[in-house]
Amino acid sequence: MTEASQLISTIKKQLKSQGLTYRDVASALNLSEPSVKRLFASGRFTVERLVQVSNFLGFTLAELSKKAINEQPRLRTLTEKQERELVSDPKQLLIAVCALNHWRLEEIVEYYRVSDTECIKYLLRLDKLSIIDLLPGNRIRINVARDFDWLPFGPIKQYFQEHGQSDFLRSQFANEAESMAFVYGMFSDQAIAQILGELRRLRKKFAELHEESLSTPLRNRRGIGLLLAMRGWEPADFAKLRR
């Protein structure tokens, strides 16, 4: 779906959710209803018309465009091939992580020892994998949800366990914006389901706050890692004492 068609789709959804019709749009824009129908059928909106329709719906064009981007279907999981490609080359993984965190090409090149040509090469590989769309002007459109799930026994999880997990945990977690806690309890199945629901909501909130922070310049943002883990478990020393 193109950016224009995604925007028009979002407008249609807003009309429906607000209980508005093409007749209402026609009245607001001083057009005939058939003209409005032809406009939506052809998708040939001028910028001025898009601004008028956006304002009619209670949005600025920028707000409606952002809403359209957020409503774009995104991958919730990757295939094993996609995951394997991401972790096959440290630079490829670096470029992927930057791209998925909404870095622009010039920002990647400024922060890391990667040339423009090299960066574009890796971005094109991500485009071929359908993880991003590389648009004119080297703009990056992300096709993966911020809180996408790793494959349970997939390459990304294996890579994290081998190369990232111990490094992440090698900290006292005593600095600003750091926290670590471990709790243990015994729960019913219903209580466990509730806890898992809370963890899913926390992941969603993490993704939402990430999106909200994108309006802040990159130099004023910090990379934050959040590790969520829960499993049935008994300390080995306890298990040895079982009858």
Foldseek 3Di string as FASTA:
>chain_A
DDLLLLLLVLLVVLCVVVVHDLCNLCVQVVHHSVVSVVCSVVSPDDPVSLQSSQVVSVHGSVVSSVVSLVPPAADQEADLVLLCVLPVDVVLVVLLVCVLLPHALVRCVVVDVADSVRSVVSVVVCVVSVQWPQDPVRHIRGRHQSNHDYDPPGDVVVCCVVPNDVVVPPDPQPDPPGDDDDDDDDDDPVVVVVVVVVVVVVSVVVSVVSVVCPVPDPVPDDDDDDDDDDDDDDPPVVVVPDD
